[in-house]
Amino acid sequence: MPERKVVVGSSGGLHARPANLFVQAAARQPAAVLIAVGDKKPVPAKSILSVLSLGAVKGTEVTLSAEGEHAEESLTALAELLAQDLDAETPEGSDV
């Protein structure tokens, strides 16, 4: 299962708005994606409650893992999104 580590770039971390943007993007991916902080158990990236429960703040390193068709592409898209400041008006390259 491919993995990618990324540092959360949003100034407020993965709180409501950034988490929602991330979850929506994860739900559009063809691969099943998990996200984890540290040694905690990975949670589904398309679950808003699970993502919020991670408590990821700006600068937190998270691990994304994906399984299934187009796993690498899914990881790349989500890692690029998480690295941005999702508290800004519109994330780069986003259609949200």
PDB file of N, CA and C in Angstrom:
ATOM      1  N   MET A   1       0.855  -1.165   0.000  1.00  0.00           N
ATOM      2  CA  MET A   1       0.000   0.000   0.000  1.00  0.00           C
ATOM      3  C   MET A   1       0.911   1.241   0.000  1.00  0.00           C
ATOM      4  N   PRO A   2       0.822   2.069  -1.045  1.00  0.00           N
ATOM      5  CA  PRO A   2       1.662   3.275  -1.088  1.00  0.00           C
ATOM      6  C   PRO A   2       1.282   4.266   0.003  1.00  0.00           C
ATOM      7  N   GLU A   3       2.293   4.989   0.472  1.00  0.00           N
ATOM      8  CA  GLU A   3       2.075   5.999   1.516  1.00  0.00           C
ATOM      9  C   GLU A   3       2.745   7.301   1.115  1.00  0.00           C
ATOM     10  N   ARG A   4       2.256   8.374   1.688  1.00  0.00           N
ATOM     11  CA  ARG A   4       2.852   9.688   1.476  1.00  0.00           C
ATOM     12  C   ARG A   4       2.733  10.473   2.767  1.00  0.00           C
ATOM     13  N   LYS A   5       3.830  11.080   3.193  1.00  0.00           N
ATOM     14  CA  LYS A   5       3.812  11.949   4.369  1.00  0.00           C
ATOM     15  C   LYS A   5       3.699  13.383   3.883  1.00  0.00           C
ATOM     16  N   VAL A   6       2.892  14.164   4.574  1.00  0.00           N
ATOM     17  CA  VAL A   6       2.692  15.559   4.198  1.00  0.00           C
ATOM     18  C   VAL A   6       2.456  16.374   5.457  1.00  0.00           C
ATOM     19  N   VAL A   7       2.893  17.613   5.429  1.00  0.00           N
ATOM     20  CA  VAL A   7       2.699  18.525   6.556  1.00  0.00           C
ATOM     21  C   VAL A   7       1.469  19.381   6.277  1.00  0.00           C
ATOM     22  N   VAL A   8       0.566  19.457   7.247  1.00  0.00           N
ATOM     23  CA  VAL A   8      -0.659  20.245   7.109  1.00  0.00           C
ATOM     24  C   VAL A   8      -0.293  21.722   6.967  1.00  0.00           C
ATOM     25  N   GLY A   9      -0.751  22.339   5.886  1.00  0.00           N
ATOM     26  CA  GLY A   9      -0.404  23.724   5.596  1.00  0.00           C
ATOM     27  C   GLY A   9      -1.427  24.744   6.017  1.00  0.00           C
ATOM     28  N   SER A  10      -2.640  24.336   6.333  1.00  0.00           N
ATOM     29  CA  SER A  10      -3.689  25.291   6.704  1.00  0.00           C
ATOM     30  C   SER A  10      -3.359  25.994   8.009  1.00  0.00           C
ATOM     31  N   SER A  11      -3.537  27.286   8.016  1.00  0.00           N
ATOM     32  CA  SER A  11      -3.183  28.075   9.202  1.00  0.00           C
ATOM     33  C   SER A  11      -3.955  27.641  10.441  1.00  0.00           C
ATOM     34  N   GLY A  12      -5.150  27.122  10.253  1.00  0.00           N
ATOM     35  CA  GLY A  12      -5.946  26.654  11.383  1.00  0.00           C
ATOM     36  C   GLY A  12      -5.929  25.147  11.535  1.00  0.00           C
ATOM     37  N   GLY A  13      -5.076  24.463  10.777  1.00  0.00           N
ATOM     38  CA  GLY A  13      -5.050  23.008  10.838  1.00  0.00           C
ATOM     39  C   GLY A  13      -6.252  22.409  10.128  1.00  0.00           C
ATOM     40  N   LEU A  14      -6.536  21.156  10.424  1.00  0.00           N
ATOM     41  CA  LEU A  14      -7.687  20.490   9.801  1.00  0.00           C
ATOM     42  C   LEU A  14      -8.931  20.668  10.657  1.00  0.00           C
ATOM     43  N   HIS A  15      -9.388  21.923  10.750  1.00  0.00           N
ATOM     44  CA  HIS A  15     -10.658  22.195  11.426  1.00  0.00           C
ATOM     45  C   HIS A  15     -11.763  22.144  10.373  1.00  0.00           C
ATOM     46  N   ALA A  16     -12.936  22.631  10.665  1.00  0.00           N
ATOM     47  CA  ALA A  16     -14.134  22.435   9.848  1.00  0.00           C
ATOM     48  C   ALA A  16     -13.963  22.668   8.345  1.00  0.00           C
ATOM     49  N   ARG A  17     -13.622  23.871   7.920  1.00  0.00           N
ATOM     50  CA  ARG A  17     -13.574  24.158   6.476  1.00  0.00           C
ATOM     51  C   ARG A  17     -12.466  23.372   5.773  1.00  0.00           C
ATOM     52  N   PRO A  18     -11.218  23.436   6.222  1.00  0.00           N
ATOM     53  CA  PRO A  18     -10.178  22.666   5.542  1.00  0.00           C
ATOM     54  C   PRO A  18     -10.451  21.156   5.557  1.00  0.00           C
ATOM     55  N   ALA A  19     -10.952  20.651   6.665  1.00  0.00           N
ATOM     56  CA  ALA A  19     -11.258  19.220   6.745  1.00  0.00           C
ATOM     57  C   ALA A  19     -12.346  18.862   5.738  1.00  0.00           C
ATOM     58  N   ASN A  20     -13.340  19.719   5.609  1.00  0.00           N
ATOM     59  CA  ASN A  20     -14.421  19.468   4.670  1.00  0.00           C
ATOM     60  C   ASN A  20     -13.910  19.456   3.227  1.00  0.00           C
ATOM     61  N   LEU A  21     -13.046  20.405   2.879  1.00  0.00           N
ATOM     62  CA  LEU A  21     -12.471  20.438   1.534  1.00  0.00           C
ATOM     63  C   LEU A  21     -11.653  19.181   1.261  1.00  0.00           C
ATOM     64  N   PHE A  22     -10.878  18.761   2.261  1.00  0.00           N
ATOM     65  CA  PHE A  22     -10.066  17.558   2.128  1.00  0.00           C
ATOM     66  C   PHE A  22     -10.946  16.314   1.965  1.00  0.00           C
ATOM     67  N   VAL A  23     -11.976  16.197   2.783  1.00  0.00           N
ATOM     68  CA  VAL A  23     -12.877  15.036   2.740  1.00  0.00           C
ATOM     69  C   VAL A  23     -13.597  14.966   1.394  1.00  0.00           C
ATOM     70  N   GLN A  24     -14.040  16.111   0.896  1.00  0.00           N
ATOM     71  CA  GLN A  24     -14.708  16.129  -0.413  1.00  0.00           C
ATOM     72  C   GLN A  24     -13.756  15.664  -1.507  1.00  0.00           C
ATOM     73  N   ALA A  25     -12.511  16.127  -1.460  1.00  0.00           N
ATOM     74  CA  ALA A  25     -11.515  15.709  -2.448  1.00  0.00           C
ATOM     75  C   ALA A  25     -11.215  14.213  -2.313  1.00  0.00           C
ATOM     76  N   ALA A  26     -11.142  13.719  -1.094  1.00  0.00           N
ATOM     77  CA  ALA A  26     -10.879  12.294  -0.864  1.00  0.00           C
ATOM     78  C   ALA A  26     -12.023  11.436  -1.414  1.00  0.00           C
ATOM     79  N   ALA A  27     -13.241  11.909  -1.258  1.00  0.00           N
ATOM     80  CA  ALA A  27     -14.400  11.158  -1.743  1.00  0.00           C
ATOM     81  C   ALA A  27     -14.420  11.063  -3.274  1.00  0.00           C
ATOM     82  N   ARG A  28     -13.774  12.007  -3.948  1.00  0.00           N
ATOM     83  CA  ARG A  28     -13.721  11.988  -5.417  1.00  0.00           C
ATOM     84  C   ARG A  28     -12.611  11.084  -5.957  1.00  0.00           C
ATOM     85  N   GLN A  29     -11.743  10.598  -5.094  1.00  0.00           N
ATOM     86  CA  GLN A  29     -10.614   9.780  -5.536  1.00  0.00           C
ATOM     87  C   GLN A  29     -11.069   8.354  -5.841  1.00  0.00           C
ATOM     88  N   PRO A  30     -10.460   7.735  -6.864  1.00  0.00           N
ATOM     89  CA  PRO A  30     -10.830   6.353  -7.181  1.00  0.00           C
ATOM     90  C   PRO A  30     -10.287   5.334  -6.176  1.00  0.00           C
ATOM     91  N   ALA A  31      -9.240   5.694  -5.435  1.00  0.00           N
ATOM     92  CA  ALA A  31      -8.647   4.779  -4.455  1.00  0.00           C
ATOM     93  C   ALA A  31      -9.216   5.050  -3.065  1.00  0.00           C
ATOM     94  N   ALA A  32      -9.194   4.025  -2.233  1.00  0.00           N
ATOM     95  CA  ALA A  32      -9.584   4.178  -0.826  1.00  0.00           C
ATOM     96  C   ALA A  32      -8.386   4.764  -0.086  1.00  0.00           C
ATOM     97  N   VAL A  33      -8.565   5.938   0.528  1.00  0.00           N
ATOM     98  CA  VAL A  33      -7.462   6.651   1.170  1.00  0.00           C
ATOM     99  C   VAL A  33      -7.681   6.704   2.678  1.00  0.00           C
ATOM    100  N   LEU A  34      -6.589   6.466   3.421  1.00  0.00           N
ATOM    101  CA  LEU A  34      -6.589   6.581   4.879  1.00  0.00           C
ATOM    102  C   LEU A  34      -5.647   7.707   5.262  1.00  0.00           C
ATOM    103  N   ILE A  35      -5.896   8.328   6.415  1.00  0.00           N
ATOM    104  CA  ILE A  35      -5.032   9.379   6.929  1.00  0.00           C
ATOM    105  C   ILE A  35      -4.752   9.087   8.399  1.00  0.00           C
ATOM    106  N   ALA A  36      -3.512   9.327   8.816  1.00  0.00           N
ATOM    107  CA  ALA A  36      -3.125   9.063  10.208  1.00  0.00           C
ATOM    108  C   ALA A  36      -2.181  10.148  10.695  1.00  0.00           C
ATOM    109  N   VAL A  37      -2.208  10.359  12.003  1.00  0.00           N
ATOM    110  CA  VAL A  37      -1.275  11.271  12.669  1.00  0.00           C
ATOM    111  C   VAL A  37      -0.436  10.434  13.623  1.00  0.00           C
ATOM    112  N   GLY A  38       0.884  10.508  13.458  1.00  0.00           N
ATOM    113  CA  GLY A  38       1.776   9.769  14.348  1.00  0.00           C
ATOM    114  C   GLY A  38       1.500   8.282  14.326  1.00  0.00           C
ATOM    115  N   ASP A  39       1.465   7.685  15.509  1.00  0.00           N
ATOM    116  CA  ASP A  39       1.245   6.242  15.625  1.00  0.00           C
ATOM    117  C   ASP A  39      -0.224   5.880  15.781  1.00  0.00           C
ATOM    118  N   LYS A  40      -1.100   6.882  15.681  1.00  0.00           N
ATOM    119  CA  LYS A  40      -2.532   6.598  15.820  1.00  0.00           C
ATOM    120  C   LYS A  40      -3.030   5.772  14.644  1.00  0.00           C
ATOM    121  N   LYS A  41      -4.110   5.061  14.880  1.00  0.00           N
ATOM    122  CA  LYS A  41      -4.726   4.223  13.855  1.00  0.00           C
ATOM    123  C   LYS A  41      -5.210   5.095  12.693  1.00  0.00           C
ATOM    124  N   PRO A  42      -4.930   4.683  11.456  1.00  0.00           N
ATOM    125  CA  PRO A  42      -5.416   5.442  10.296  1.00  0.00           C
ATOM    126  C   PRO A  42      -6.940   5.446  10.234  1.00  0.00           C
ATOM    127  N   VAL A  43      -7.483   6.551   9.729  1.00  0.00           N
ATOM    128  CA  VAL A  43      -8.933   6.700   9.596  1.00  0.00           C
ATOM    129  C   VAL A  43      -9.266   6.979   8.135  1.00  0.00           C
ATOM    130  N   PRO A  44     -10.496   6.692   7.724  1.00  0.00           N
ATOM    131  CA  PRO A  44     -10.892   6.960   6.334  1.00  0.00           C
ATOM    132  C   PRO A  44     -10.844   8.457   6.029  1.00  0.00           C
ATOM    133  N   ALA A  45     -10.183   8.809   4.932  1.00  0.00           N
ATOM    134  CA  ALA A  45     -10.039  10.212   4.557  1.00  0.00           C
ATOM    135  C   ALA A  45     -11.350  10.823   4.100  1.00  0.00           C
ATOM    136  N   LYS A  46     -12.333  10.011   3.762  1.00  0.00           N
ATOM    137  CA  LYS A  46     -13.608  10.566   3.312  1.00  0.00           C
ATOM    138  C   LYS A  46     -14.637  10.698   4.442  1.00  0.00           C
ATOM    139  N   SER A  47     -14.197  10.523   5.680  1.00  0.00           N
ATOM    140  CA  SER A  47     -15.082  10.670   6.836  1.00  0.00           C
ATOM    141  C   SER A  47     -14.751  11.962   7.583  1.00  0.00           C
ATOM    142  N   ILE A  48     -15.655  12.925   7.538  1.00  0.00           N
ATOM    143  CA  ILE A  48     -15.410  14.224   8.172  1.00  0.00           C
ATOM    144  C   ILE A  48     -15.164  14.076   9.667  1.00  0.00           C
ATOM    145  N   LEU A  49     -15.939  13.258  10.335  1.00  0.00           N
ATOM    146  CA  LEU A  49     -15.765  13.102  11.782  1.00  0.00           C
ATOM    147  C   LEU A  49     -14.414  12.469  12.113  1.00  0.00           C
ATOM    148  N   SER A  50     -14.007  11.501  11.317  1.00  0.00           N
ATOM    149  CA  SER A  50     -12.711  10.855  11.541  1.00  0.00           C
ATOM    150  C   SER A  50     -11.565  11.828  11.323  1.00  0.00           C
ATOM    151  N   VAL A  51     -11.635  12.617  10.256  1.00  0.00           N
ATOM    152  CA  VAL A  51     -10.574  13.582   9.957  1.00  0.00           C
ATOM    153  C   VAL A  51     -10.507  14.647  11.049  1.00  0.00           C
ATOM    154  N   LEU A  52     -11.653  15.146  11.494  1.00  0.00           N
ATOM    155  CA  LEU A  52     -11.670  16.142  12.572  1.00  0.00           C
ATOM    156  C   LEU A  52     -11.095  15.565  13.866  1.00  0.00           C
ATOM    157  N   SER A  53     -11.335  14.275  14.101  1.00  0.00           N
ATOM    158  CA  SER A  53     -10.870  13.651  15.345  1.00  0.00           C
ATOM    159  C   SER A  53      -9.349  13.538  15.419  1.00  0.00           C
ATOM    160  N   LEU A  54      -8.660  13.699  14.294  1.00  0.00           N
ATOM    161  CA  LEU A  54      -7.201  13.610  14.292  1.00  0.00           C
ATOM    162  C   LEU A  54      -6.546  14.756  15.057  1.00  0.00           C
ATOM    163  N   GLY A  55      -7.227  15.895  15.123  1.00  0.00           N
ATOM    164  CA  GLY A  55      -6.678  17.043  15.838  1.00  0.00           C
ATOM    165  C   GLY A  55      -5.436  17.617  15.187  1.00  0.00           C
ATOM    166  N   ALA A  56      -5.331  17.502  13.877  1.00  0.00           N
ATOM    167  CA  ALA A  56      -4.141  17.971  13.158  1.00  0.00           C
ATOM    168  C   ALA A  56      -4.132  19.500  13.071  1.00  0.00           C
ATOM    169  N   VAL A  57      -3.070  20.101  13.564  1.00  0.00           N
ATOM    170  CA  VAL A  57      -2.897  21.556  13.516  1.00  0.00           C
ATOM    171  C   VAL A  57      -1.863  21.885  12.440  1.00  0.00           C
ATOM    172  N   LYS A  58      -1.702  23.172  12.145  1.00  0.00           N
ATOM    173  CA  LYS A  58      -0.710  23.581  11.154  1.00  0.00           C
ATOM    174  C   LYS A  58       0.651  23.017  11.544  1.00  0.00           C
ATOM    175  N   GLY A  59       1.327  22.418  10.576  1.00  0.00           N
ATOM    176  CA  GLY A  59       2.641  21.844  10.824  1.00  0.00           C
ATOM    177  C   GLY A  59       2.633  20.384  11.240  1.00  0.00           C
ATOM    178  N   THR A  60       1.467  19.809  11.496  1.00  0.00           N
ATOM    179  CA  THR A  60       1.371  18.393  11.848  1.00  0.00           C
ATOM    180  C   THR A  60       1.699  17.546  10.624  1.00  0.00           C
ATOM    181  N   GLU A  61       2.556  16.555  10.816  1.00  0.00           N
ATOM    182  CA  GLU A  61       2.842  15.630   9.722  1.00  0.00           C
ATOM    183  C   GLU A  61       1.813  14.505   9.765  1.00  0.00           C
ATOM    184  N   VAL A  62       1.138  14.304   8.648  1.00  0.00           N
ATOM    185  CA  VAL A  62       0.165  13.218   8.537  1.00  0.00           C
ATOM    186  C   VAL A  62       0.668  12.224   7.504  1.00  0.00           C
ATOM    187  N   THR A  63       0.196  11.003   7.627  1.00  0.00           N
ATOM    188  CA  THR A  63       0.534   9.960   6.667  1.00  0.00           C
ATOM    189  C   THR A  63      -0.719   9.573   5.911  1.00  0.00           C
ATOM    190  N   LEU A  64      -0.652   9.696   4.606  1.00  0.00           N
ATOM    191  CA  LEU A  64      -1.736   9.262   3.733  1.00  0.00           C
ATOM    192  C   LEU A  64      -1.351   7.914   3.152  1.00  0.00           C
ATOM    193  N   SER A  65      -2.287   7.000   3.084  1.00  0.00           N
ATOM    194  CA  SER A  65      -2.058   5.716   2.433  1.00  0.00           C
ATOM    195  C   SER A  65      -3.273   5.420   1.571  1.00  0.00           C
ATOM    196  N   ALA A  66      -3.034   4.728   0.472  1.00  0.00           N
ATOM    197  CA  ALA A  66      -4.134   4.447  -0.451  1.00  0.00           C
ATOM    198  C   ALA A  66      -4.027   3.029  -0.973  1.00  0.00           C
ATOM    199  N   GLU A  67      -5.184   2.485  -1.294  1.00  0.00           N
ATOM    200  CA  GLU A  67      -5.255   1.138  -1.831  1.00  0.00           C
ATOM    201  C   GLU A  67      -6.280   1.142  -2.945  1.00  0.00           C
ATOM    202  N   GLY A  68      -5.931   0.485  -4.019  1.00  0.00           N
ATOM    203  CA  GLY A  68      -6.868   0.374  -5.126  1.00  0.00           C
ATOM    204  C   GLY A  68      -6.365   1.066  -6.372  1.00  0.00           C
ATOM    205  N   GLU A  69      -7.257   1.156  -7.328  1.00  0.00           N
ATOM    206  CA  GLU A  69      -6.946   1.750  -8.619  1.00  0.00           C
ATOM    207  C   GLU A  69      -6.509   3.202  -8.471  1.00  0.00           C
ATOM    208  N   HIS A  70      -5.432   3.553  -9.132  1.00  0.00           N
ATOM    209  CA  HIS A  70      -4.905   4.924  -9.139  1.00  0.00           C
ATOM    210  C   HIS A  70      -4.502   5.415  -7.748  1.00  0.00           C
ATOM    211  N   ALA A  71      -3.961   4.525  -6.927  1.00  0.00           N
ATOM    212  CA  ALA A  71      -3.575   4.886  -5.560  1.00  0.00           C
ATOM    213  C   ALA A  71      -2.541   6.008  -5.536  1.00  0.00           C
ATOM    214  N   GLU A  72      -1.517   5.913  -6.360  1.00  0.00           N
ATOM    215  CA  GLU A  72      -0.470   6.947  -6.370  1.00  0.00           C
ATOM    216  C   GLU A  72      -1.025   8.307  -6.763  1.00  0.00           C
ATOM    217  N   GLU A  73      -1.876   8.326  -7.781  1.00  0.00           N
ATOM    218  CA  GLU A  73      -2.466   9.587  -8.225  1.00  0.00           C
ATOM    219  C   GLU A  73      -3.351  10.194  -7.141  1.00  0.00           C
ATOM    220  N   SER A  74      -4.088   9.346  -6.449  1.00  0.00           N
ATOM    221  CA  SER A  74      -4.945   9.815  -5.360  1.00  0.00           C
ATOM    222  C   SER A  74      -4.110  10.432  -4.247  1.00  0.00           C
ATOM    223  N   LEU A  75      -3.008   9.769  -3.897  1.00  0.00           N
ATOM    224  CA  LEU A  75      -2.123  10.289  -2.848  1.00  0.00           C
ATOM    225  C   LEU A  75      -1.521  11.627  -3.256  1.00  0.00           C
ATOM    226  N   THR A  76      -1.089  11.730  -4.493  1.00  0.00           N
ATOM    227  CA  THR A  76      -0.498  12.973  -4.966  1.00  0.00           C
ATOM    228  C   THR A  76      -1.487  14.124  -4.876  1.00  0.00           C
ATOM    229  N   ALA A  77      -2.701  13.909  -5.358  1.00  0.00           N
ATOM    230  CA  ALA A  77      -3.720  14.963  -5.342  1.00  0.00           C
ATOM    231  C   ALA A  77      -4.032  15.413  -3.916  1.00  0.00           C
ATOM    232  N   LEU A  78      -4.201  14.464  -3.012  1.00  0.00           N
ATOM    233  CA  LEU A  78      -4.560  14.813  -1.638  1.00  0.00           C
ATOM    234  C   LEU A  78      -3.391  15.414  -0.874  1.00  0.00           C
ATOM    235  N   ALA A  79      -2.180  14.937  -1.129  1.00  0.00           N
ATOM    236  CA  ALA A  79      -0.999  15.508  -0.473  1.00  0.00           C
ATOM    237  C   ALA A  79      -0.808  16.957  -0.895  1.00  0.00           C
ATOM    238  N   GLU A  80      -0.973  17.241  -2.182  1.00  0.00           N
ATOM    239  CA  GLU A  80      -0.851  18.620  -2.666  1.00  0.00           C
ATOM    240  C   GLU A  80      -1.900  19.517  -2.025  1.00  0.00           C
ATOM    241  N   LEU A  81      -3.103  19.008  -1.873  1.00  0.00           N
ATOM    242  CA  LEU A  81      -4.180  19.793  -1.255  1.00  0.00           C
ATOM    243  C   LEU A  81      -3.872  20.076   0.215  1.00  0.00           C
ATOM    244  N   LEU A  82      -3.452  19.054   0.956  1.00  0.00           N
ATOM    245  CA  LEU A  82      -3.166  19.230   2.381  1.00  0.00           C
ATOM    246  C   LEU A  82      -2.012  20.187   2.644  1.00  0.00           C
ATOM    247  N   ALA A  83      -1.068  20.247   1.740  1.00  0.00           N
ATOM    248  CA  ALA A  83       0.096  21.111   1.919  1.00  0.00           C
ATOM    249  C   ALA A  83      -0.256  22.591   1.753  1.00  0.00           C
ATOM    250  N   GLN A  84      -1.388  22.876   1.132  1.00  0.00           N
ATOM    251  CA  GLN A  84      -1.830  24.253   0.922  1.00  0.00           C
ATOM    252  C   GLN A  84      -2.515  24.800   2.171  1.00  0.00           C
ATOM    253  N   ASP A  85      -2.653  26.122   2.198  1.00  0.00           N
ATOM    254  CA  ASP A  85      -3.434  26.759   3.261  1.00  0.00           C
ATOM    255  C   ASP A  85      -4.891  26.748   2.839  1.00  0.00           C
ATOM    256  N   LEU A  86      -5.629  25.757   3.291  1.00  0.00           N
ATOM    257  CA  LEU A  86      -7.036  25.614   2.913  1.00  0.00           C
ATOM    258  C   LEU A  86      -7.935  26.622   3.607  1.00  0.00           C
ATOM    259  N   ASP A  87      -7.356  27.445   4.482  1.00  0.00           N
ATOM    260  CA  ASP A  87      -8.116  28.530   5.089  1.00  0.00           C
ATOM    261  C   ASP A  87      -8.155  29.745   4.172  1.00  0.00           C
ATOM    262  N   ALA A  88      -7.342  29.732   3.104  1.00  0.00           N
ATOM    263  CA  ALA A  88      -7.346  30.805   2.123  1.00  0.00           C
ATOM    264  C   ALA A  88      -8.647  30.717   1.321  1.00  0.00           C
ATOM    265  N   GLU A  89      -8.915  31.741   0.549  1.00  0.00           N
ATOM    266  CA  GLU A  89     -10.157  31.795  -0.220  1.00  0.00           C
ATOM    267  C   GLU A  89     -10.403  30.531  -1.061  1.00  0.00           C
ATOM    268  N   THR A  90      -9.525  30.251  -2.030  1.00  0.00           N
ATOM    269  CA  THR A  90      -9.682  29.100  -2.887  1.00  0.00           C
ATOM    270  C   THR A  90      -8.352  28.389  -3.025  1.00  0.00           C
ATOM    271  N   PRO A  91      -8.266  27.113  -2.658  1.00  0.00           N
ATOM    272  CA  PRO A  91      -7.026  26.369  -2.801  1.00  0.00           C
ATOM    273  C   PRO A  91      -6.585  26.313  -4.258  1.00  0.00           C
ATOM    274  N   GLU A  92      -5.278  26.343  -4.501  1.00  0.00           N
ATOM    275  CA  GLU A  92      -4.745  26.257  -5.858  1.00  0.00           C
ATOM    276  C   GLU A  92      -5.156  24.939  -6.493  1.00  0.00           C
ATOM    277  N   GLY A  93      -5.563  25.040  -7.762  1.00  0.00           N
ATOM    278  CA  GLY A  93      -5.897  23.833  -8.508  1.00  0.00           C
ATOM    279  C   GLY A  93      -7.158  23.155  -8.038  1.00  0.00           C
ATOM    280  N   SER A  94      -7.966  23.838  -7.230  1.00  0.00           N
ATOM    281  CA  SER A  94      -9.178  23.219  -6.689  1.00  0.00           C
ATOM    282  C   SER A  94     -10.397  23.687  -7.459  1.00  0.00           C
ATOM    283  N   ASP A  95     -11.350  22.798  -7.598  1.00  0.00           N
ATOM    284  CA  ASP A  95     -12.604  23.192  -8.229  1.00  0.00           C
ATOM    285  C   ASP A  95     -13.704  23.321  -7.181  1.00  0.00           C
ATOM    286  N   VAL A  96     -13.293  23.402  -5.926  1.00  0.00           N
ATOM    287  CA  VAL A  96     -14.243  23.510  -4.816  1.00  0.00           C
ATOM    288  C   VAL A  96     -14.666  24.946  -4.674  1.00  0.00           C
TER     289      VAL A  96
END
